Amino acid sequence: MAAVTLYIRRDDPRSARARNLLQRRGATLSLIDVTDDPVRLGELSERTGGRTHAPQAFLEGRYLGGLDELIDMEERGALEWMLEGGHEASSPV
């Protein structure tokens, strides 16, 4: 299954929800907690074009988005497909 890097905030319900969603789909997660880490928060901002809120997800280095985007992909059936090696640009969904 795909490797997902997930930027989170400790004790944040949205971060927990994103983590649970990705785990249910079998993603291998690498969690980066930006709660009290200005260096990691700066890294997140650079990787997302200025976003500093968590959660934010990257699939094998490619930016997926935050919780709202993950939920949207899940509802369309695209998240599982992408995690299994598909590519959003050519998604049939």
PDB file of N, CA and C in Angstrom:
ATOM      1  N   MET A   1       0.854  -1.179   0.000  1.00  0.00           N
ATOM      2  CA  MET A   1       0.000   0.000   0.000  1.00  0.00           C
ATOM      3  C   MET A   1       0.896   1.237   0.000  1.00  0.00           C
ATOM      4  N   ALA A   2       0.339   2.326  -0.391  1.00  0.00           N
ATOM      5  CA  ALA A   2       1.059   3.578  -0.574  1.00  0.00           C
ATOM      6  C   ALA A   2       1.541   4.174   0.742  1.00  0.00           C
ATOM      7  N   ALA A   3       2.635   4.918   0.639  1.00  0.00           N
ATOM      8  CA  ALA A   3       3.192   5.631   1.786  1.00  0.00           C
ATOM      9  C   ALA A   3       2.631   7.054   1.804  1.00  0.00           C
ATOM     10  N   VAL A   4       2.021   7.431   2.926  1.00  0.00           N
ATOM     11  CA  VAL A   4       1.435   8.752   3.074  1.00  0.00           C
ATOM     12  C   VAL A   4       2.120   9.474   4.220  1.00  0.00           C
ATOM     13  N   THR A   5       2.569  10.693   3.947  1.00  0.00           N
ATOM     14  CA  THR A   5       3.073  11.568   4.994  1.00  0.00           C
ATOM     15  C   THR A   5       1.923  12.460   5.404  1.00  0.00           C
ATOM     16  N   LEU A   6       1.638  12.479   6.702  1.00  0.00           N
ATOM     17  CA  LEU A   6       0.522  13.245   7.215  1.00  0.00           C
ATOM     18  C   LEU A   6       1.014  14.215   8.284  1.00  0.00           C
ATOM     19  N   TYR A   7       0.875  15.502   7.984  1.00  0.00           N
ATOM     20  CA  TYR A   7       1.194  16.537   8.964  1.00  0.00           C
ATOM     21  C   TYR A   7      -0.012  16.688   9.869  1.00  0.00           C
ATOM     22  N   ILE A   8       0.219  16.610  11.169  1.00  0.00           N
ATOM     23  CA  ILE A   8      -0.872  16.644  12.140  1.00  0.00           C
ATOM     24  C   ILE A   8      -0.575  17.642  13.254  1.00  0.00           C
ATOM     25  N   ARG A   9      -1.615  17.920  14.033  1.00  0.00           N
ATOM     26  CA  ARG A   9      -1.478  18.641  15.298  1.00  0.00           C
ATOM     27  C   ARG A   9      -1.972  17.708  16.397  1.00  0.00           C
ATOM     28  N   ARG A  10      -1.195  17.645  17.454  1.00  0.00           N
ATOM     29  CA  ARG A  10      -1.527  16.804  18.604  1.00  0.00           C
ATOM     30  C   ARG A  10      -2.883  17.229  19.182  1.00  0.00           C
ATOM     31  N   ASP A  11      -3.686  16.285  19.568  1.00  0.00           N
ATOM     32  CA  ASP A  11      -4.992  16.511  20.190  1.00  0.00           C
ATOM     33  C   ASP A  11      -5.959  17.290  19.296  1.00  0.00           C
ATOM     34  N   ASP A  12      -5.781  17.187  17.994  1.00  0.00           N
ATOM     35  CA  ASP A  12      -6.656  17.870  17.045  1.00  0.00           C
ATOM     36  C   ASP A  12      -7.615  16.855  16.435  1.00  0.00           C
ATOM     37  N   PRO A  13      -8.927  17.052  16.597  1.00  0.00           N
ATOM     38  CA  PRO A  13      -9.885  16.076  16.058  1.00  0.00           C
ATOM     39  C   PRO A  13      -9.812  15.913  14.547  1.00  0.00           C
ATOM     40  N   ARG A  14      -9.520  16.979  13.814  1.00  0.00           N
ATOM     41  CA  ARG A  14      -9.421  16.867  12.353  1.00  0.00           C
ATOM     42  C   ARG A  14      -8.207  16.022  11.957  1.00  0.00           C
ATOM     43  N   SER A  15      -7.114  16.195  12.674  1.00  0.00           N
ATOM     44  CA  SER A  15      -5.926  15.377  12.415  1.00  0.00           C
ATOM     45  C   SER A  15      -6.208  13.914  12.715  1.00  0.00           C
ATOM     46  N   ALA A  16      -6.897  13.654  13.830  1.00  0.00           N
ATOM     47  CA  ALA A  16      -7.245  12.278  14.190  1.00  0.00           C
ATOM     48  C   ALA A  16      -8.167  11.661  13.141  1.00  0.00           C
ATOM     49  N   ARG A  17      -9.098  12.437  12.645  1.00  0.00           N
ATOM     50  CA  ARG A  17     -10.035  11.923  11.632  1.00  0.00           C
ATOM     51  C   ARG A  17      -9.305  11.569  10.335  1.00  0.00           C
ATOM     52  N   ALA A  18      -8.381  12.443   9.907  1.00  0.00           N
ATOM     53  CA  ALA A  18      -7.604  12.157   8.694  1.00  0.00           C
ATOM     54  C   ALA A  18      -6.757  10.905   8.883  1.00  0.00           C
ATOM     55  N   ARG A  19      -6.132  10.798  10.038  1.00  0.00           N
ATOM     56  CA  ARG A  19      -5.300   9.626  10.334  1.00  0.00           C
ATOM     57  C   ARG A  19      -6.139   8.350  10.283  1.00  0.00           C
ATOM     58  N   ASN A  20      -7.299   8.366  10.931  1.00  0.00           N
ATOM     59  CA  ASN A  20      -8.168   7.190  10.941  1.00  0.00           C
ATOM     60  C   ASN A  20      -8.646   6.825   9.541  1.00  0.00           C
ATOM     61  N   LEU A  21      -9.009   7.818   8.754  1.00  0.00           N
ATOM     62  CA  LEU A  21      -9.470   7.574   7.389  1.00  0.00           C
ATOM     63  C   LEU A  21      -8.381   6.882   6.570  1.00  0.00           C
ATOM     64  N   LEU A  22      -7.174   7.399   6.643  1.00  0.00           N
ATOM     65  CA  LEU A  22      -6.067   6.822   5.876  1.00  0.00           C
ATOM     66  C   LEU A  22      -5.700   5.430   6.388  1.00  0.00           C
ATOM     67  N   GLN A  23      -5.730   5.237   7.705  1.00  0.00           N
ATOM     68  CA  GLN A  23      -5.423   3.914   8.258  1.00  0.00           C
ATOM     69  C   GLN A  23      -6.467   2.887   7.841  1.00  0.00           C
ATOM     70  N   ARG A  24      -7.739   3.284   7.827  1.00  0.00           N
ATOM     71  CA  ARG A  24      -8.801   2.365   7.388  1.00  0.00           C
ATOM     72  C   ARG A  24      -8.587   1.925   5.944  1.00  0.00           C
ATOM     73  N   ARG A  25      -8.011   2.782   5.145  1.00  0.00           N
ATOM     74  CA  ARG A  25      -7.750   2.467   3.743  1.00  0.00           C
ATOM     75  C   ARG A  25      -6.420   1.733   3.566  1.00  0.00           C
ATOM     76  N   GLY A  26      -5.704   1.469   4.665  1.00  0.00           N
ATOM     77  CA  GLY A  26      -4.493   0.670   4.603  1.00  0.00           C
ATOM     78  C   GLY A  26      -3.223   1.420   4.269  1.00  0.00           C
ATOM     79  N   ALA A  27      -3.259   2.743   4.319  1.00  0.00           N
ATOM     80  CA  ALA A  27      -2.061   3.530   4.008  1.00  0.00           C
ATOM     81  C   ALA A  27      -0.988   3.313   5.067  1.00  0.00           C
ATOM     82  N   THR A  28       0.243   3.314   4.632  1.00  0.00           N
ATOM     83  CA  THR A  28       1.377   3.307   5.538  1.00  0.00           C
ATOM     84  C   THR A  28       1.668   4.758   5.875  1.00  0.00           C
ATOM     85  N   LEU A  29       1.480   5.126   7.147  1.00  0.00           N
ATOM     86  CA  LEU A  29       1.570   6.528   7.539  1.00  0.00           C
ATOM     87  C   LEU A  29       2.899   6.893   8.172  1.00  0.00           C
ATOM     88  N   SER A  30       3.368   8.058   7.784  1.00  0.00           N
ATOM     89  CA  SER A  30       4.483   8.722   8.442  1.00  0.00           C
ATOM     90  C   SER A  30       3.905  10.021   8.988  1.00  0.00           C
ATOM     91  N   LEU A  31       3.823  10.129  10.316  1.00  0.00           N
ATOM     92  CA  LEU A  31       3.199  11.283  10.944  1.00  0.00           C
ATOM     93  C   LEU A  31       4.236  12.332  11.324  1.00  0.00           C
ATOM     94  N   ILE A  32       3.923  13.588  11.011  1.00  0.00           N
ATOM     95  CA  ILE A  32       4.781  14.713  11.387  1.00  0.00           C
ATOM     96  C   ILE A  32       3.930  15.669  12.200  1.00  0.00           C
ATOM     97  N   ASP A  33       4.252  15.789  13.487  1.00  0.00           N
ATOM     98  CA  ASP A  33       3.504  16.642  14.401  1.00  0.00           C
ATOM     99  C   ASP A  33       4.080  18.054  14.352  1.00  0.00           C
ATOM    100  N   VAL A  34       3.250  19.015  13.943  1.00  0.00           N
ATOM    101  CA  VAL A  34       3.693  20.409  13.830  1.00  0.00           C
ATOM    102  C   VAL A  34       3.247  21.254  15.018  1.00  0.00           C
ATOM    103  N   THR A  35       2.659  20.623  16.043  1.00  0.00           N
ATOM    104  CA  THR A  35       2.064  21.344  17.162  1.00  0.00           C
ATOM    105  C   THR A  35       2.998  22.375  17.773  1.00  0.00           C
ATOM    106  N   ASP A  36       4.162  21.972  18.179  1.00  0.00           N
ATOM    107  CA  ASP A  36       5.112  22.877  18.839  1.00  0.00           C
ATOM    108  C   ASP A  36       6.448  22.917  18.106  1.00  0.00           C
ATOM    109  N   ASP A  37       6.399  22.791  16.792  1.00  0.00           N
ATOM    110  CA  ASP A  37       7.625  22.681  16.020  1.00  0.00           C
ATOM    111  C   ASP A  37       7.625  23.676  14.862  1.00  0.00           C
ATOM    112  N   PRO A  38       8.204  24.872  15.082  1.00  0.00           N
ATOM    113  CA  PRO A  38       8.199  25.883  14.024  1.00  0.00           C
ATOM    114  C   PRO A  38       8.963  25.459  12.763  1.00  0.00           C
ATOM    115  N   VAL A  39       9.954  24.610  12.910  1.00  0.00           N
ATOM    116  CA  VAL A  39      10.703  24.141  11.745  1.00  0.00           C
ATOM    117  C   VAL A  39       9.805  23.268  10.872  1.00  0.00           C
ATOM    118  N   ARG A  40       9.106  22.326  11.485  1.00  0.00           N
ATOM    119  CA  ARG A  40       8.190  21.455  10.731  1.00  0.00           C
ATOM    120  C   ARG A  40       7.016  22.251  10.166  1.00  0.00           C
ATOM    121  N   LEU A  41       6.548  23.255  10.909  1.00  0.00           N
ATOM    122  CA  LEU A  41       5.463  24.105  10.424  1.00  0.00           C
ATOM    123  C   LEU A  41       5.913  24.887   9.190  1.00  0.00           C
ATOM    124  N   GLY A  42       7.157  25.378   9.199  1.00  0.00           N
ATOM    125  CA  GLY A  42       7.716  26.047   8.028  1.00  0.00           C
ATOM    126  C   GLY A  42       7.839  25.106   6.850  1.00  0.00           C
ATOM    127  N   GLU A  43       8.240  23.876   7.127  1.00  0.00           N
ATOM    128  CA  GLU A  43       8.332  22.850   6.081  1.00  0.00           C
ATOM    129  C   GLU A  43       6.955  22.598   5.466  1.00  0.00           C
ATOM    130  N   LEU A  44       5.934  22.493   6.322  1.00  0.00           N
ATOM    131  CA  LEU A  44       4.571  22.298   5.840  1.00  0.00           C
ATOM    132  C   LEU A  44       4.142  23.451   4.956  1.00  0.00           C
ATOM    133  N   SER A  45       4.406  24.661   5.381  1.00  0.00           N
ATOM    134  CA  SER A  45       4.051  25.852   4.603  1.00  0.00           C
ATOM    135  C   SER A  45       4.715  25.843   3.231  1.00  0.00           C
ATOM    136  N   GLU A  46       5.983  25.472   3.190  1.00  0.00           N
ATOM    137  CA  GLU A  46       6.702  25.398   1.912  1.00  0.00           C
ATOM    138  C   GLU A  46       6.103  24.334   0.996  1.00  0.00           C
ATOM    139  N   ARG A  47       5.788  23.185   1.552  1.00  0.00           N
ATOM    140  CA  ARG A  47       5.290  22.074   0.735  1.00  0.00           C
ATOM    141  C   ARG A  47       3.868  22.291   0.227  1.00  0.00           C
ATOM    142  N   THR A  48       3.091  23.142   0.919  1.00  0.00           N
ATOM    143  CA  THR A  48       1.689  23.333   0.554  1.00  0.00           C
ATOM    144  C   THR A  48       1.407  24.693  -0.064  1.00  0.00           C
ATOM    145  N   GLY A  49       2.422  25.481  -0.278  1.00  0.00           N
ATOM    146  CA  GLY A  49       2.211  26.801  -0.850  1.00  0.00           C
ATOM    147  C   GLY A  49       1.624  27.795   0.128  1.00  0.00           C
ATOM    148  N   GLY A  50       1.944  27.632   1.414  1.00  0.00           N
ATOM    149  CA  GLY A  50       1.531  28.598   2.417  1.00  0.00           C
ATOM    150  C   GLY A  50       0.546  28.105   3.453  1.00  0.00           C
ATOM    151  N   ARG A  51       0.021  26.929   3.285  1.00  0.00           N
ATOM    152  CA  ARG A  51      -0.930  26.409   4.280  1.00  0.00           C
ATOM    153  C   ARG A  51      -0.168  25.986   5.538  1.00  0.00           C
ATOM    154  N   THR A  52      -0.718  26.350   6.686  1.00  0.00           N
ATOM    155  CA  THR A  52      -0.082  25.972   7.943  1.00  0.00           C
ATOM    156  C   THR A  52      -1.044  25.252   8.874  1.00  0.00           C
ATOM    157  N   HIS A  53      -2.243  24.940   8.396  1.00  0.00           N
ATOM    158  CA  HIS A  53      -3.172  24.196   9.246  1.00  0.00           C
ATOM    159  C   HIS A  53      -3.021  22.701   8.961  1.00  0.00           C
ATOM    160  N   ALA A  54      -3.242  21.930   9.975  1.00  0.00           N
ATOM    161  CA  ALA A  54      -3.167  20.483   9.853  1.00  0.00           C
ATOM    162  C   ALA A  54      -4.578  19.933  10.004  1.00  0.00           C
ATOM    163  N   PRO A  55      -4.830  18.791   9.411  1.00  0.00           N
ATOM    164  CA  PRO A  55      -3.909  17.892   8.736  1.00  0.00           C
ATOM    165  C   PRO A  55      -3.690  18.272   7.271  1.00  0.00           C
ATOM    166  N   GLN A  56      -2.561  17.834   6.769  1.00  0.00           N
ATOM    167  CA  GLN A  56      -2.219  17.946   5.347  1.00  0.00           C
ATOM    168  C   GLN A  56      -1.537  16.643   4.950  1.00  0.00           C
ATOM    169  N   ALA A  57      -1.937  16.074   3.830  1.00  0.00           N
ATOM    170  CA  ALA A  57      -1.456  14.751   3.421  1.00  0.00           C
ATOM    171  C   ALA A  57      -0.702  14.799   2.096  1.00  0.00           C
ATOM    172  N   PHE A  58       0.324  13.955   2.029  1.00  0.00           N
ATOM    173  CA  PHE A  58       1.129  13.778   0.823  1.00  0.00           C
ATOM    174  C   PHE A  58       1.223  12.290   0.523  1.00  0.00           C
ATOM    175  N   LEU A  59       0.909  11.926  -0.696  1.00  0.00           N
ATOM    176  CA  LEU A  59       0.993  10.536  -1.139  1.00  0.00           C
ATOM    177  C   LEU A  59       2.276  10.364  -1.923  1.00  0.00           C
ATOM    178  N   GLU A  60       3.221   9.657  -1.326  1.00  0.00           N
ATOM    179  CA  GLU A  60       4.523   9.422  -1.951  1.00  0.00           C
ATOM    180  C   GLU A  60       5.103  10.715  -2.500  1.00  0.00           C
ATOM    181  N   GLY A  61       5.001  11.783  -1.692  1.00  0.00           N
ATOM    182  CA  GLY A  61       5.573  13.076  -2.044  1.00  0.00           C
ATOM    183  C   GLY A  61       4.635  14.012  -2.781  1.00  0.00           C
ATOM    184  N   ARG A  62       3.534  13.513  -3.292  1.00  0.00           N
ATOM    185  CA  ARG A  62       2.577  14.335  -4.043  1.00  0.00           C
ATOM    186  C   ARG A  62       1.491  14.855  -3.110  1.00  0.00           C
ATOM    187  N   TYR A  63       1.246  16.148  -3.148  1.00  0.00           N
ATOM    188  CA  TYR A  63       0.292  16.783  -2.248  1.00  0.00           C
ATOM    189  C   TYR A  63      -1.135  16.349  -2.554  1.00  0.00           C
ATOM    190  N   LEU A  64      -1.830  15.846  -1.524  1.00  0.00           N
ATOM    191  CA  LEU A  64      -3.232  15.461  -1.666  1.00  0.00           C
ATOM    192  C   LEU A  64      -4.181  16.527  -1.143  1.00  0.00           C
ATOM    193  N   GLY A  65      -3.823  17.163  -0.038  1.00  0.00           N
ATOM    194  CA  GLY A  65      -4.672  18.179   0.564  1.00  0.00           C
ATOM    195  C   GLY A  65      -4.916  17.889   2.023  1.00  0.00           C
ATOM    196  N   GLY A  66      -5.912  18.585   2.559  1.00  0.00           N
ATOM    197  CA  GLY A  66      -6.276  18.442   3.961  1.00  0.00           C
ATOM    198  C   GLY A  66      -7.438  17.479   4.141  1.00  0.00           C
ATOM    199  N   LEU A  67      -8.050  17.537   5.305  1.00  0.00           N
ATOM    200  CA  LEU A  67      -9.133  16.614   5.624  1.00  0.00           C
ATOM    201  C   LEU A  67     -10.292  16.730   4.648  1.00  0.00           C
ATOM    202  N   ASP A  68     -10.692  17.934   4.302  1.00  0.00           N
ATOM    203  CA  ASP A  68     -11.821  18.095   3.385  1.00  0.00           C
ATOM    204  C   ASP A  68     -11.557  17.421   2.037  1.00  0.00           C
ATOM    205  N   GLU A  69     -10.350  17.569   1.534  1.00  0.00           N
ATOM    206  CA  GLU A  69      -9.998  16.928   0.259  1.00  0.00           C
ATOM    207  C   GLU A  69      -9.980  15.406   0.401  1.00  0.00           C
ATOM    208  N   LEU A  70      -9.464  14.911   1.525  1.00  0.00           N
ATOM    209  CA  LEU A  70      -9.433  13.462   1.741  1.00  0.00           C
ATOM    210  C   LEU A  70     -10.848  12.896   1.803  1.00  0.00           C
ATOM    211  N   ILE A  71     -11.743  13.598   2.499  1.00  0.00           N
ATOM    212  CA  ILE A  71     -13.139  13.149   2.582  1.00  0.00           C
ATOM    213  C   ILE A  71     -13.776  13.146   1.198  1.00  0.00           C
ATOM    214  N   ASP A  72     -13.521  14.189   0.423  1.00  0.00           N
ATOM    215  CA  ASP A  72     -14.068  14.260  -0.931  1.00  0.00           C
ATOM    216  C   ASP A  72     -13.566  13.094  -1.784  1.00  0.00           C
ATOM    217  N   MET A  73     -12.268  12.813  -1.719  1.00  0.00           N
ATOM    218  CA  MET A  73     -11.710  11.694  -2.485  1.00  0.00           C
ATOM    219  C   MET A  73     -12.311  10.376  -2.029  1.00  0.00           C
ATOM    220  N   GLU A  74     -12.498  10.232  -0.720  1.00  0.00           N
ATOM    221  CA  GLU A  74     -13.090   9.014  -0.171  1.00  0.00           C
ATOM    222  C   GLU A  74     -14.515   8.833  -0.689  1.00  0.00           C
ATOM    223  N   GLU A  75     -15.300   9.900  -0.674  1.00  0.00           N
ATOM    224  CA  GLU A  75     -16.690   9.819  -1.128  1.00  0.00           C
ATOM    225  C   GLU A  75     -16.803   9.491  -2.613  1.00  0.00           C
ATOM    226  N   ARG A  76     -15.840   9.942  -3.404  1.00  0.00           N
ATOM    227  CA  ARG A  76     -15.851   9.665  -4.841  1.00  0.00           C
ATOM    228  C   ARG A  76     -15.243   8.307  -5.184  1.00  0.00           C
ATOM    229  N   GLY A  77     -14.651   7.654  -4.184  1.00  0.00           N
ATOM    230  CA  GLY A  77     -14.000   6.371  -4.425  1.00  0.00           C
ATOM    231  C   GLY A  77     -12.584   6.507  -4.940  1.00  0.00           C
ATOM    232  N   ALA A  78     -12.085   7.729  -4.991  1.00  0.00           N
ATOM    233  CA  ALA A  78     -10.756   7.964  -5.548  1.00  0.00           C
ATOM    234  C   ALA A  78      -9.635   7.701  -4.554  1.00  0.00           C
ATOM    235  N   LEU A  79      -9.892   7.850  -3.268  1.00  0.00           N
ATOM    236  CA  LEU A  79      -8.822   7.699  -2.280  1.00  0.00           C
ATOM    237  C   LEU A  79      -8.257   6.288  -2.284  1.00  0.00           C
ATOM    238  N   GLU A  80      -9.111   5.305  -2.188  1.00  0.00           N
ATOM    239  CA  GLU A  80      -8.649   3.915  -2.195  1.00  0.00           C
ATOM    240  C   GLU A  80      -7.896   3.609  -3.490  1.00  0.00           C
ATOM    241  N   TRP A  81      -8.444   4.076  -4.594  1.00  0.00           N
ATOM    242  CA  TRP A  81      -7.827   3.854  -5.897  1.00  0.00           C
ATOM    243  C   TRP A  81      -6.421   4.461  -5.953  1.00  0.00           C
ATOM    244  N   MET A  82      -6.293   5.692  -5.446  1.00  0.00           N
ATOM    245  CA  MET A  82      -4.987   6.353  -5.443  1.00  0.00           C
ATOM    246  C   MET A  82      -4.005   5.626  -4.535  1.00  0.00           C
ATOM    247  N   LEU A  83      -4.469   5.197  -3.366  1.00  0.00           N
ATOM    248  CA  LEU A  83      -3.592   4.503  -2.424  1.00  0.00           C
ATOM    249  C   LEU A  83      -3.131   3.158  -2.971  1.00  0.00           C
ATOM    250  N   GLU A  84      -3.886   2.616  -3.904  1.00  0.00           N
ATOM    251  CA  GLU A  84      -3.508   1.350  -4.517  1.00  0.00           C
ATOM    252  C   GLU A  84      -2.639   1.546  -5.757  1.00  0.00           C
ATOM    253  N   GLY A  85      -2.230   2.795  -6.018  1.00  0.00           N
ATOM    254  CA  GLY A  85      -1.297   3.034  -7.112  1.00  0.00           C
ATOM    255  C   GLY A  85      -1.850   3.792  -8.284  1.00  0.00           C
ATOM    256  N   GLY A  86      -3.112   4.198  -8.237  1.00  0.00           N
ATOM    257  CA  GLY A  86      -3.689   4.981  -9.326  1.00  0.00           C
ATOM    258  C   GLY A  86      -3.218   6.421  -9.268  1.00  0.00           C
ATOM    259  N   HIS A  87      -3.573   7.188 -10.252  1.00  0.00           N
ATOM    260  CA  HIS A  87      -3.207   8.592 -10.303  1.00  0.00           C
ATOM    261  C   HIS A  87      -4.471   9.422 -10.496  1.00  0.00           C
ATOM    262  N   GLU A  88      -4.635  10.438  -9.644  1.00  0.00           N
ATOM    263  CA  GLU A  88      -5.830  11.263  -9.643  1.00  0.00           C
ATOM    264  C   GLU A  88      -6.133  11.856 -11.017  1.00  0.00           C
ATOM    265  N   ALA A  89      -5.110  12.273 -11.743  1.00  0.00           N
ATOM    266  CA  ALA A  89      -5.332  12.937 -13.027  1.00  0.00           C
ATOM    267  C   ALA A  89      -6.059  12.038 -14.029  1.00  0.00           C
ATOM    268  N   SER A  90      -5.836  10.746 -13.920  1.00  0.00           N
ATOM    269  CA  SER A  90      -6.478   9.842 -14.867  1.00  0.00           C
ATOM    270  C   SER A  90      -7.570   9.012 -14.217  1.00  0.00           C
ATOM    271  N   SER A  91      -8.026   9.461 -13.049  1.00  0.00           N
ATOM    272  CA  SER A  91      -9.037   8.726 -12.316  1.00  0.00           C
ATOM    273  C   SER A  91     -10.345   8.649 -13.102  1.00  0.00           C
ATOM    274  N   PRO A  92     -10.938   7.470 -13.166  1.00  0.00           N
ATOM    275  CA  PRO A  92     -12.216   7.327 -13.833  1.00  0.00           C
ATOM    276  C   PRO A  92     -13.377   7.844 -12.990  1.00  0.00           C
ATOM    277  N   VAL A  93     -13.106   8.203 -11.742  1.00  0.00           N
ATOM    278  CA  VAL A  93     -14.157   8.622 -10.812  1.00  0.00           C
ATOM    279  C   VAL A  93     -14.385  10.101 -10.903  1.00  0.00           C
TER     280      VAL A  93
END
